[in-house]
């Protein structure tokens, strides 16, 4: 005789209890989802959702103009140069000097400046006679906006040796920022064959060292154009290595140029770390950097104020 298989049918009281438990769990899950949505909305009200990718999409691409509000800040000091060249260090020293407006809201000073100069945000309340210092390395392909009529500013361009800059781009920098710089300053310098290959397969088409070098060269070519267009009364070129090795002398020249009183304590914000990054590069990298970047570096170096 075969043994009957056990019945899998649930009795009615147990089924009803399971159904009620399921409905309660589903209701609780829906309520949890609603609570999560409300929590996100409250967090969004108090959090800063701006970052460089959003700035790229909503300001650089959609609006097009990045310095449209510069005329609101007469006597402004602009700090620029190729990224990874010490511009943040110098802009913080100047911005925190006596008589300057310290409008900082985020850890990223340059993003604060970018949003203010594009008219997205207004600076926090500052003394009416305060001057402003803005870091503007982010302009990249929009550098011609420096020539806008009605702008009253002094531009300090920080030049740094290409070995240190390229090393920092390759090993110590955010990928989005690197690709944005390359797109604005390095890509136009690719050979036609490289451009076609890059357009087809992306970053793999061109080595990172070459992309960093071309970005550096493209940015320094802007310095040449600006030096011609603005002249020595409106633009000063400062070599980073000279700045860190001759702090007091170089800072005094900078503060004379921007017509701001100088204090010896300002030099405390300059350190000599990261000066010898070239020693960390492989011989092949050094040869490529020297070949691609050396000539333009020497030309801009000749325009820099001596120590």
C-alpha atoms as a PDB file:
ATOM      1  CA  UNK A   1       0.000   0.000   0.000  1.00  0.00           C
ATOM      2  CA  UNK A   2       1.394   3.457  -0.921  1.00  0.00           C
ATOM      3  CA  UNK A   3       1.840   6.068   1.775  1.00  0.00           C
ATOM      4  CA  UNK A   4      -0.302   9.178   1.123  1.00  0.00           C
ATOM      5  CA  UNK A   5       1.694  12.381   0.608  1.00  0.00           C
ATOM      6  CA  UNK A   6       1.245  15.008   3.320  1.00  0.00           C
ATOM      7  CA  UNK A   7      -1.214  17.735   2.494  1.00  0.00           C
ATOM      8  CA  UNK A   8       0.248  21.237   1.877  1.00  0.00           C
ATOM      9  CA  UNK A   9      -3.114  22.904   2.270  1.00  0.00           C
ATOM     10  CA  UNK A  10      -3.127  25.477   5.096  1.00  0.00           C
ATOM     11  CA  UNK A  11      -6.066  25.538   7.449  1.00  0.00           C
ATOM     12  CA  UNK A  12      -8.221  28.642   7.212  1.00  0.00           C
ATOM     13  CA  UNK A  13      -7.247  30.287  10.549  1.00  0.00           C
ATOM     14  CA  UNK A  14      -3.531  30.023   9.711  1.00  0.00           C
ATOM     15  CA  UNK A  15      -4.101  31.362   6.189  1.00  0.00           C
ATOM     16  CA  UNK A  16      -5.994  34.366   7.552  1.00  0.00           C
ATOM     17  CA  UNK A  17      -3.200  35.123  10.019  1.00  0.00           C
ATOM     18  CA  UNK A  18      -0.569  34.931   7.257  1.00  0.00           C
ATOM     19  CA  UNK A  19      -2.642  37.166   4.983  1.00  0.00           C
ATOM     20  CA  UNK A  20      -3.014  39.781   7.718  1.00  0.00           C
ATOM     21  CA  UNK A  21       0.705  39.609   8.445  1.00  0.00           C
ATOM     22  CA  UNK A  22       1.497  40.079   4.752  1.00  0.00           C
ATOM     23  CA  UNK A  23      -0.821  43.090   4.494  1.00  0.00           C
ATOM     24  CA  UNK A  24       0.730  44.671   7.591  1.00  0.00           C
ATOM     25  CA  UNK A  25       4.238  44.124   6.211  1.00  0.00           C
ATOM     26  CA  UNK A  26       3.284  45.603   2.849  1.00  0.00           C
ATOM     27  CA  UNK A  27       1.681  48.602   4.532  1.00  0.00           C
ATOM     28  CA  UNK A  28       4.775  49.109   6.693  1.00  0.00           C
ATOM     29  CA  UNK A  29       7.024  48.931   3.637  1.00  0.00           C
ATOM     30  CA  UNK A  30       4.954  51.548   1.820  1.00  0.00           C
ATOM     31  CA  UNK A  31       5.080  53.827   4.839  1.00  0.00           C
ATOM     32  CA  UNK A  32       8.853  53.338   5.062  1.00  0.00           C
ATOM     33  CA  UNK A  33       9.217  54.353   1.429  1.00  0.00           C
ATOM     34  CA  UNK A  34       7.133  57.495   2.055  1.00  0.00           C
ATOM     35  CA  UNK A  35       9.268  58.324   5.093  1.00  0.00           C
ATOM     36  CA  UNK A  36      12.466  57.893   3.056  1.00  0.00           C
ATOM     37  CA  UNK A  37      11.144  60.256   0.369  1.00  0.00           C
ATOM     38  CA  UNK A  38      10.247  62.892   2.978  1.00  0.00           C
ATOM     39  CA  UNK A  39      13.634  62.511   4.643  1.00  0.00           C
ATOM     40  CA  UNK A  40      15.420  63.010   1.325  1.00  0.00           C
ATOM     41  CA  UNK A  41      13.340  66.117   0.661  1.00  0.00           C
ATOM     42  CA  UNK A  42      14.258  67.564   4.054  1.00  0.00           C
ATOM     43  CA  UNK A  43      17.933  66.746   3.537  1.00  0.00           C
ATOM     44  CA  UNK A  44      17.855  68.364   0.089  1.00  0.00           C
ATOM     45  CA  UNK A  45      16.526  71.559   1.654  1.00  0.00           C
ATOM     46  CA  UNK A  46      19.591  71.814   3.899  1.00  0.00           C
ATOM     47  CA  UNK A  47      22.299  70.238   1.756  1.00  0.00           C
ATOM     48  CA  UNK A  48      24.427  71.663  -1.019  1.00  0.00           C
ATOM     49  CA  UNK A  49      23.785  69.738  -4.195  1.00  0.00           C
ATOM     50  CA  UNK A  50      26.241  71.680  -6.329  1.00  0.00           C
ATOM     51  CA  UNK A  51      29.347  69.918  -7.596  1.00  0.00           C
ATOM     52  CA  UNK A  52      31.528  70.276 -10.682  1.00  0.00           C
ATOM     53  CA  UNK A  53      29.592  67.780 -12.863  1.00  0.00           C
ATOM     54  CA  UNK A  54      26.381  69.723 -12.177  1.00  0.00           C
ATOM     55  CA  UNK A  55      28.164  73.016 -12.811  1.00  0.00           C
ATOM     56  CA  UNK A  56      29.393  71.620 -16.115  1.00  0.00           C
ATOM     57  CA  UNK A  57      25.883  70.568 -17.186  1.00  0.00           C
ATOM     58  CA  UNK A  58      23.826  73.480 -15.953  1.00  0.00           C
ATOM     59  CA  UNK A  59      26.222  76.415 -16.228  1.00  0.00           C
ATOM     60  CA  UNK A  60      29.115  75.686 -18.576  1.00  0.00           C
ATOM     61  CA  UNK A  61      27.015  73.905 -21.202  1.00  0.00           C
ATOM     62  CA  UNK A  62      23.559  75.464 -20.821  1.00  0.00           C
ATOM     63  CA  UNK A  63      24.413  79.077 -19.951  1.00  0.00           C
ATOM     64  CA  UNK A  64      27.735  79.363 -21.736  1.00  0.00           C
ATOM     65  CA  UNK A  65      28.993  82.478 -19.905  1.00  0.00           C
ATOM     66  CA  UNK A  66      31.035  81.933 -16.757  1.00  0.00           C
ATOM     67  CA  UNK A  67      32.166  85.461 -15.791  1.00  0.00           C
ATOM     68  CA  UNK A  68      28.919  87.295 -16.484  1.00  0.00           C
ATOM     69  CA  UNK A  69      28.839  88.803 -12.968  1.00  0.00           C
ATOM     70  CA  UNK A  70      32.488  89.833 -12.724  1.00  0.00           C
ATOM     71  CA  UNK A  71      31.535  93.471 -13.280  1.00  0.00           C
ATOM     72  CA  UNK A  72      29.806  93.429  -9.877  1.00  0.00           C
ATOM     73  CA  UNK A  73      33.180  93.124  -8.122  1.00  0.00           C
ATOM     74  CA  UNK A  74      35.390  96.103  -9.006  1.00  0.00           C
ATOM     75  CA  UNK A  75      39.016  95.695  -8.046  1.00  0.00           C
ATOM     76  CA  UNK A  76      38.703  91.897  -7.922  1.00  0.00           C
ATOM     77  CA  UNK A  77      41.765  89.671  -7.852  1.00  0.00           C
ATOM     78  CA  UNK A  78      41.595  86.609 -10.101  1.00  0.00           C
ATOM     79  CA  UNK A  79      43.954  83.673  -9.552  1.00  0.00           C
ATOM     80  CA  UNK A  80      44.364  81.313 -12.475  1.00  0.00           C
ATOM     81  CA  UNK A  81      46.805  79.023 -14.236  1.00  0.00           C
ATOM     82  CA  UNK A  82      46.868  75.377 -15.151  1.00  0.00           C
ATOM     83  CA  UNK A  83      45.104  73.176 -12.653  1.00  0.00           C
ATOM     84  CA  UNK A  84      47.361  71.473 -10.044  1.00  0.00           C
ATOM     85  CA  UNK A  85      49.699  74.472 -10.047  1.00  0.00           C
ATOM     86  CA  UNK A  86      49.162  75.932  -6.581  1.00  0.00           C
ATOM     87  CA  UNK A  87      46.346  78.329  -7.456  1.00  0.00           C
ATOM     88  CA  UNK A  88      44.201  77.202  -4.523  1.00  0.00           C
ATOM     89  CA  UNK A  89      47.005  77.916  -2.070  1.00  0.00           C
ATOM     90  CA  UNK A  90      47.574  81.437  -3.374  1.00  0.00           C
ATOM     91  CA  UNK A  91      43.881  82.286  -3.720  1.00  0.00           C
ATOM     92  CA  UNK A  92      43.261  81.325  -0.074  1.00  0.00           C
ATOM     93  CA  UNK A  93      46.135  83.482   1.128  1.00  0.00           C
ATOM     94  CA  UNK A  94      44.830  86.508  -0.770  1.00  0.00           C
ATOM     95  CA  UNK A  95      41.152  85.893   0.037  1.00  0.00           C
ATOM     96  CA  UNK A  96      41.885  85.662   3.764  1.00  0.00           C
ATOM     97  CA  UNK A  97      43.964  88.853   3.798  1.00  0.00           C
ATOM     98  CA  UNK A  98      42.836  91.997   5.573  1.00  0.00           C
ATOM     99  CA  UNK A  99      40.440  94.004   3.432  1.00  0.00           C
ATOM    100  CA  UNK A 100      39.269  91.016   1.364  1.00  0.00           C
ATOM    101  CA  UNK A 101      35.843  89.370   1.472  1.00  0.00           C
ATOM    102  CA  UNK A 102      35.912  85.826   2.805  1.00  0.00           C
ATOM    103  CA  UNK A 103      32.810  84.429   1.076  1.00  0.00           C
ATOM    104  CA  UNK A 104      33.745  80.747   1.483  1.00  0.00           C
ATOM    105  CA  UNK A 105      30.824  78.331   1.951  1.00  0.00           C
ATOM    106  CA  UNK A 106      32.239  74.977   0.866  1.00  0.00           C
ATOM    107  CA  UNK A 107      35.459  73.050   1.127  1.00  0.00           C
ATOM    108  CA  UNK A 108      35.888  73.778  -2.580  1.00  0.00           C
ATOM    109  CA  UNK A 109      36.710  77.487  -2.766  1.00  0.00           C
ATOM    110  CA  UNK A 110      36.824  77.508  -6.546  1.00  0.00           C
ATOM    111  CA  UNK A 111      33.285  76.135  -6.841  1.00  0.00           C
ATOM    112  CA  UNK A 112      32.116  78.971  -4.573  1.00  0.00           C
ATOM    113  CA  UNK A 113      33.812  81.444  -6.909  1.00  0.00           C
ATOM    114  CA  UNK A 114      32.412  79.805 -10.033  1.00  0.00           C
ATOM    115  CA  UNK A 115      28.821  79.950  -8.771  1.00  0.00           C
ATOM    116  CA  UNK A 116      29.146  83.591  -7.710  1.00  0.00           C
ATOM    117  CA  UNK A 117      30.764  84.768 -10.949  1.00  0.00           C
ATOM    118  CA  UNK A 118      28.139  82.949 -13.024  1.00  0.00           C
ATOM    119  CA  UNK A 119      25.310  84.552 -11.055  1.00  0.00           C
ATOM    120  CA  UNK A 120      24.029  81.285  -9.584  1.00  0.00           C
ATOM    121  CA  UNK A 121      24.722  82.368  -5.994  1.00  0.00           C
ATOM    122  CA  UNK A 122      25.330  85.631  -4.219  1.00  0.00           C
ATOM    123  CA  UNK A 123      28.266  86.008  -1.837  1.00  0.00           C
ATOM    124  CA  UNK A 124      27.509  85.950   1.850  1.00  0.00           C
ATOM    125  CA  UNK A 125      27.184  89.337   3.513  1.00  0.00           C
ATOM    126  CA  UNK A 126      30.522  91.165   3.412  1.00  0.00           C
ATOM    127  CA  UNK A 127      31.697  94.660   4.336  1.00  0.00           C
ATOM    128  CA  UNK A 128      30.666  97.124   1.611  1.00  0.00           C
ATOM    129  CA  UNK A 129      34.250  98.173   0.858  1.00  0.00           C
ATOM    130  CA  UNK A 130      35.693  94.632   0.787  1.00  0.00           C
ATOM    131  CA  UNK A 131      37.414  93.359  -2.333  1.00  0.00           C
ATOM    132  CA  UNK A 132      37.036  89.861  -3.720  1.00  0.00           C
ATOM    133  CA  UNK A 133      39.553  87.220  -4.767  1.00  0.00           C
ATOM    134  CA  UNK A 134      38.314  84.471  -7.061  1.00  0.00           C
ATOM    135  CA  UNK A 135      40.101  81.343  -8.242  1.00  0.00           C
ATOM    136  CA  UNK A 136      39.249  80.917 -11.936  1.00  0.00           C
ATOM    137  CA  UNK A 137      41.279  77.999 -13.249  1.00  0.00           C
ATOM    138  CA  UNK A 138      37.984  76.316 -14.216  1.00  0.00           C
ATOM    139  CA  UNK A 139      37.429  78.631 -17.185  1.00  0.00           C
ATOM    140  CA  UNK A 140      39.420  76.395 -19.561  1.00  0.00           C
ATOM    141  CA  UNK A 141      38.068  76.954 -23.097  1.00  0.00           C
ATOM    142  CA  UNK A 142      36.131  80.024 -21.887  1.00  0.00           C
ATOM    143  CA  UNK A 143      39.293  81.999 -21.101  1.00  0.00           C
ATOM    144  CA  UNK A 144      38.386  84.670 -23.675  1.00  0.00           C
ATOM    145  CA  UNK A 145      35.831  85.952 -21.182  1.00  0.00           C
ATOM    146  CA  UNK A 146      38.745  87.599 -19.376  1.00  0.00           C
ATOM    147  CA  UNK A 147      38.725  90.158 -22.199  1.00  0.00           C
ATOM    148  CA  UNK A 148      35.168  91.285 -21.429  1.00  0.00           C
ATOM    149  CA  UNK A 149      34.644  95.044 -21.480  1.00  0.00           C
ATOM    150  CA  UNK A 150      33.880  96.746 -18.206  1.00  0.00           C
ATOM    151  CA  UNK A 151      35.777  94.258 -16.046  1.00  0.00           C
ATOM    152  CA  UNK A 152      38.011  95.811 -13.397  1.00  0.00           C
ATOM    153  CA  UNK A 153      40.376  93.175 -12.035  1.00  0.00           C
ATOM    154  CA  UNK A 154      43.972  92.031 -11.707  1.00  0.00           C
ATOM    155  CA  UNK A 155      44.863  88.543 -12.911  1.00  0.00           C
ATOM    156  CA  UNK A 156      47.631  86.474 -11.337  1.00  0.00           C
ATOM    157  CA  UNK A 157      48.637  83.456 -13.410  1.00  0.00           C
ATOM    158  CA  UNK A 158      50.467  80.759 -11.449  1.00  0.00           C
ATOM    159  CA  UNK A 159      52.962  78.866 -13.592  1.00  0.00           C
ATOM    160  CA  UNK A 160      54.337  75.563 -12.346  1.00  0.00           C
ATOM    161  CA  UNK A 161      56.884  73.242 -13.898  1.00  0.00           C
ATOM    162  CA  UNK A 162      55.178  70.625 -16.077  1.00  0.00           C
ATOM    163  CA  UNK A 163      56.729  67.629 -14.317  1.00  0.00           C
ATOM    164  CA  UNK A 164      54.994  68.416 -11.036  1.00  0.00           C
ATOM    165  CA  UNK A 165      51.734  69.339 -12.743  1.00  0.00           C
ATOM    166  CA  UNK A 166      51.537  66.259 -14.954  1.00  0.00           C
ATOM    167  CA  UNK A 167      52.440  63.977 -12.048  1.00  0.00           C
ATOM    168  CA  UNK A 168      49.655  65.508  -9.966  1.00  0.00           C
ATOM    169  CA  UNK A 169      47.153  65.244 -12.831  1.00  0.00           C
ATOM    170  CA  UNK A 170      47.938  61.580 -13.313  1.00  0.00           C
ATOM    171  CA  UNK A 171      48.106  60.365  -9.745  1.00  0.00           C
ATOM    172  CA  UNK A 172      46.400  62.847  -7.409  1.00  0.00           C
ATOM    173  CA  UNK A 173      43.410  64.289  -9.235  1.00  0.00           C
ATOM    174  CA  UNK A 174      39.717  63.612  -9.771  1.00  0.00           C
ATOM    175  CA  UNK A 175      38.972  61.923 -13.091  1.00  0.00           C
ATOM    176  CA  UNK A 176      36.064  64.206 -13.987  1.00  0.00           C
ATOM    177  CA  UNK A 177      38.188  67.318 -13.501  1.00  0.00           C
ATOM    178  CA  UNK A 178      41.003  65.815 -15.560  1.00  0.00           C
ATOM    179  CA  UNK A 179      38.711  64.890 -18.438  1.00  0.00           C
ATOM    180  CA  UNK A 180      37.036  68.304 -18.381  1.00  0.00           C
ATOM    181  CA  UNK A 181      40.408  70.037 -18.602  1.00  0.00           C
ATOM    182  CA  UNK A 182      41.511  67.751 -21.413  1.00  0.00           C
ATOM    183  CA  UNK A 183      38.279  68.341 -23.313  1.00  0.00           C
ATOM    184  CA  UNK A 184      38.662  72.097 -23.086  1.00  0.00           C
ATOM    185  CA  UNK A 185      42.414  72.528 -23.499  1.00  0.00           C
ATOM    186  CA  UNK A 186      44.095  69.296 -24.565  1.00  0.00           C
ATOM    187  CA  UNK A 187      41.738  67.763 -27.108  1.00  0.00           C
ATOM    188  CA  UNK A 188      42.095  70.654 -29.611  1.00  0.00           C
ATOM    189  CA  UNK A 189      45.840  69.918 -29.771  1.00  0.00           C
ATOM    190  CA  UNK A 190      45.442  66.264 -30.780  1.00  0.00           C
ATOM    191  CA  UNK A 191      46.563  65.310 -34.267  1.00  0.00           C
ATOM    192  CA  UNK A 192      43.728  64.601 -36.693  1.00  0.00           C
ATOM    193  CA  UNK A 193      44.342  60.850 -36.562  1.00  0.00           C
ATOM    194  CA  UNK A 194      44.290  60.924 -32.762  1.00  0.00           C
ATOM    195  CA  UNK A 195      41.065  62.926 -32.721  1.00  0.00           C
ATOM    196  CA  UNK A 196      39.307  60.408 -34.945  1.00  0.00           C
ATOM    197  CA  UNK A 197      40.473  57.530 -32.769  1.00  0.00           C
ATOM    198  CA  UNK A 198      39.618  59.380 -29.548  1.00  0.00           C
ATOM    199  CA  UNK A 199      36.150  60.197 -30.860  1.00  0.00           C
ATOM    200  CA  UNK A 200      35.649  56.537 -31.700  1.00  0.00           C
ATOM    201  CA  UNK A 201      36.890  54.757 -28.575  1.00  0.00           C
ATOM    202  CA  UNK A 202      37.493  57.450 -25.952  1.00  0.00           C
ATOM    203  CA  UNK A 203      40.301  57.656 -23.373  1.00  0.00           C
ATOM    204  CA  UNK A 204      41.949  54.411 -24.440  1.00  0.00           C
ATOM    205  CA  UNK A 205      42.965  56.071 -27.710  1.00  0.00           C
ATOM    206  CA  UNK A 206      45.490  58.434 -26.109  1.00  0.00           C
ATOM    207  CA  UNK A 207      47.739  57.667 -23.143  1.00  0.00           C
ATOM    208  CA  UNK A 208      47.082  59.578 -19.946  1.00  0.00           C
ATOM    209  CA  UNK A 209      50.538  61.155 -19.839  1.00  0.00           C
ATOM    210  CA  UNK A 210      50.075  62.571 -23.336  1.00  0.00           C
ATOM    211  CA  UNK A 211      46.597  63.831 -22.491  1.00  0.00           C
ATOM    212  CA  UNK A 212      47.953  65.525 -19.361  1.00  0.00           C
ATOM    213  CA  UNK A 213      50.803  67.098 -21.336  1.00  0.00           C
ATOM    214  CA  UNK A 214      48.492  68.440 -24.038  1.00  0.00           C
ATOM    215  CA  UNK A 215      46.169  69.837 -21.373  1.00  0.00           C
ATOM    216  CA  UNK A 216      49.113  71.635 -19.779  1.00  0.00           C
ATOM    217  CA  UNK A 217      50.288  73.026 -23.125  1.00  0.00           C
ATOM    218  CA  UNK A 218      46.787  74.171 -24.096  1.00  0.00           C
ATOM    219  CA  UNK A 219      46.377  75.986 -20.800  1.00  0.00           C
ATOM    220  CA  UNK A 220      49.756  77.733 -21.038  1.00  0.00           C
ATOM    221  CA  UNK A 221      49.020  78.865 -24.584  1.00  0.00           C
ATOM    222  CA  UNK A 222      46.131  80.749 -23.036  1.00  0.00           C
ATOM    223  CA  UNK A 223      48.594  82.492 -20.723  1.00  0.00           C
ATOM    224  CA  UNK A 224      50.496  83.784 -23.754  1.00  0.00           C
ATOM    225  CA  UNK A 225      47.315  85.141 -25.333  1.00  0.00           C
ATOM    226  CA  UNK A 226      46.233  86.747 -22.067  1.00  0.00           C
ATOM    227  CA  UNK A 227      49.626  88.337 -21.466  1.00  0.00           C
ATOM    228  CA  UNK A 228      49.424  89.989 -24.877  1.00  0.00           C
ATOM    229  CA  UNK A 229      45.789  91.043 -24.531  1.00  0.00           C
ATOM    230  CA  UNK A 230      45.847  92.276 -20.929  1.00  0.00           C
ATOM    231  CA  UNK A 231      49.380  93.597 -20.597  1.00  0.00           C
ATOM    232  CA  UNK A 232      51.574  93.804 -17.472  1.00  0.00           C
ATOM    233  CA  UNK A 233      49.305  96.322 -15.738  1.00  0.00           C
ATOM    234  CA  UNK A 234      46.472  93.806 -15.500  1.00  0.00           C
ATOM    235  CA  UNK A 235      48.234  90.428 -15.490  1.00  0.00           C
ATOM    236  CA  UNK A 236      51.134  89.065 -13.485  1.00  0.00           C
ATOM    237  CA  UNK A 237      52.715  85.650 -14.087  1.00  0.00           C
ATOM    238  CA  UNK A 238      54.239  84.000 -11.014  1.00  0.00           C
ATOM    239  CA  UNK A 239      56.323  80.838 -11.043  1.00  0.00           C
ATOM    240  CA  UNK A 240      55.177  78.468  -8.294  1.00  0.00           C
ATOM    241  CA  UNK A 241      58.675  77.204  -7.544  1.00  0.00           C
ATOM    242  CA  UNK A 242      59.919  80.783  -7.113  1.00  0.00           C
ATOM    243  CA  UNK A 243      56.951  81.520  -4.862  1.00  0.00           C
ATOM    244  CA  UNK A 244      57.635  78.687  -2.432  1.00  0.00           C
ATOM    245  CA  UNK A 245      61.406  79.267  -2.383  1.00  0.00           C
ATOM    246  CA  UNK A 246      61.257  83.051  -2.022  1.00  0.00           C
ATOM    247  CA  UNK A 247      58.015  83.502  -0.106  1.00  0.00           C
ATOM    248  CA  UNK A 248      58.406  86.991   1.281  1.00  0.00           C
ATOM    249  CA  UNK A 249      59.890  88.594  -1.806  1.00  0.00           C
ATOM    250  CA  UNK A 250      57.365  87.062  -4.184  1.00  0.00           C
ATOM    251  CA  UNK A 251      54.375  87.785  -1.968  1.00  0.00           C
ATOM    252  CA  UNK A 252      55.434  91.417  -1.583  1.00  0.00           C
ATOM    253  CA  UNK A 253      55.514  91.736  -5.369  1.00  0.00           C
ATOM    254  CA  UNK A 254      52.103  90.109  -5.647  1.00  0.00           C
ATOM    255  CA  UNK A 255      50.561  92.378  -2.999  1.00  0.00           C
ATOM    256  CA  UNK A 256      52.083  95.456  -4.629  1.00  0.00           C
ATOM    257  CA  UNK A 257      50.544  94.359  -7.935  1.00  0.00           C
ATOM    258  CA  UNK A 258      47.056  93.943  -6.450  1.00  0.00           C
ATOM    259  CA  UNK A 259      47.416  97.099  -4.302  1.00  0.00           C
ATOM    260  CA  UNK A 260      46.816  95.327  -1.000  1.00  0.00           C
ATOM    261  CA  UNK A 261      48.767  95.785   2.255  1.00  0.00           C
ATOM    262  CA  UNK A 262      51.150  92.917   2.942  1.00  0.00           C
ATOM    263  CA  UNK A 263      51.839  91.180   6.246  1.00  0.00           C
ATOM    264  CA  UNK A 264      54.699  88.748   6.832  1.00  0.00           C
ATOM    265  CA  UNK A 265      52.269  86.257   8.386  1.00  0.00           C
ATOM    266  CA  UNK A 266      50.718  85.658   4.962  1.00  0.00           C
ATOM    267  CA  UNK A 267      53.823  83.670   4.016  1.00  0.00           C
ATOM    268  CA  UNK A 268      52.863  81.056   6.623  1.00  0.00           C
ATOM    269  CA  UNK A 269      50.305  79.725   4.153  1.00  0.00           C
ATOM    270  CA  UNK A 270      53.038  78.673   1.716  1.00  0.00           C
ATOM    271  CA  UNK A 271      54.769  75.342   2.174  1.00  0.00           C
ATOM    272  CA  UNK A 272      57.538  73.651   0.205  1.00  0.00           C
ATOM    273  CA  UNK A 273      55.973  70.219   0.017  1.00  0.00           C
ATOM    274  CA  UNK A 274      55.445  68.720  -3.446  1.00  0.00           C
ATOM    275  CA  UNK A 275      58.180  70.825  -5.062  1.00  0.00           C
ATOM    276  CA  UNK A 276      60.243  67.834  -6.276  1.00  0.00           C
ATOM    277  CA  UNK A 277      57.514  65.673  -7.806  1.00  0.00           C
ATOM    278  CA  UNK A 278      59.640  65.166 -10.912  1.00  0.00           C
ATOM    279  CA  UNK A 279      61.699  62.658  -8.934  1.00  0.00           C
ATOM    280  CA  UNK A 280      58.634  60.404  -8.727  1.00  0.00           C
ATOM    281  CA  UNK A 281      58.244  60.117 -12.498  1.00  0.00           C
ATOM    282  CA  UNK A 282      59.571  57.295 -14.636  1.00  0.00           C
ATOM    283  CA  UNK A 283      62.308  58.212 -17.168  1.00  0.00           C
ATOM    284  CA  UNK A 284      59.912  57.613 -20.070  1.00  0.00           C
ATOM    285  CA  UNK A 285      57.370  59.984 -18.536  1.00  0.00           C
ATOM    286  CA  UNK A 286      60.023  62.654 -18.004  1.00  0.00           C
ATOM    287  CA  UNK A 287      61.157  62.461 -21.615  1.00  0.00           C
ATOM    288  CA  UNK A 288      57.610  62.840 -22.937  1.00  0.00           C
ATOM    289  CA  UNK A 289      56.804  65.720 -20.590  1.00  0.00           C
ATOM    290  CA  UNK A 290      60.014  67.512 -21.466  1.00  0.00           C
ATOM    291  CA  UNK A 291      59.430  67.138 -25.190  1.00  0.00           C
ATOM    292  CA  UNK A 292      55.783  68.226 -25.172  1.00  0.00           C
ATOM    293  CA  UNK A 293      55.665  70.777 -22.360  1.00  0.00           C
ATOM    294  CA  UNK A 294      59.210  72.078 -22.029  1.00  0.00           C
ATOM    295  CA  UNK A 295      59.135  74.705 -24.818  1.00  0.00           C
ATOM    296  CA  UNK A 296      55.884  76.393 -23.737  1.00  0.00           C
ATOM    297  CA  UNK A 297      56.948  76.312 -20.096  1.00  0.00           C
ATOM    298  CA  UNK A 298      60.188  78.111 -20.928  1.00  0.00           C
ATOM    299  CA  UNK A 299      58.310  80.761 -22.932  1.00  0.00           C
ATOM    300  CA  UNK A 300      55.875  81.497 -20.109  1.00  0.00           C
ATOM    301  CA  UNK A 301      58.656  81.343 -17.549  1.00  0.00           C
ATOM    302  CA  UNK A 302      60.374  84.157 -19.427  1.00  0.00           C
ATOM    303  CA  UNK A 303      57.259  86.292 -18.846  1.00  0.00           C
ATOM    304  CA  UNK A 304      57.111  85.597 -15.099  1.00  0.00           C
ATOM    305  CA  UNK A 305      58.253  88.143 -12.525  1.00  0.00           C
ATOM    306  CA  UNK A 306      61.755  87.295 -11.288  1.00  0.00           C
ATOM    307  CA  UNK A 307      62.324  86.314  -7.634  1.00  0.00           C
END
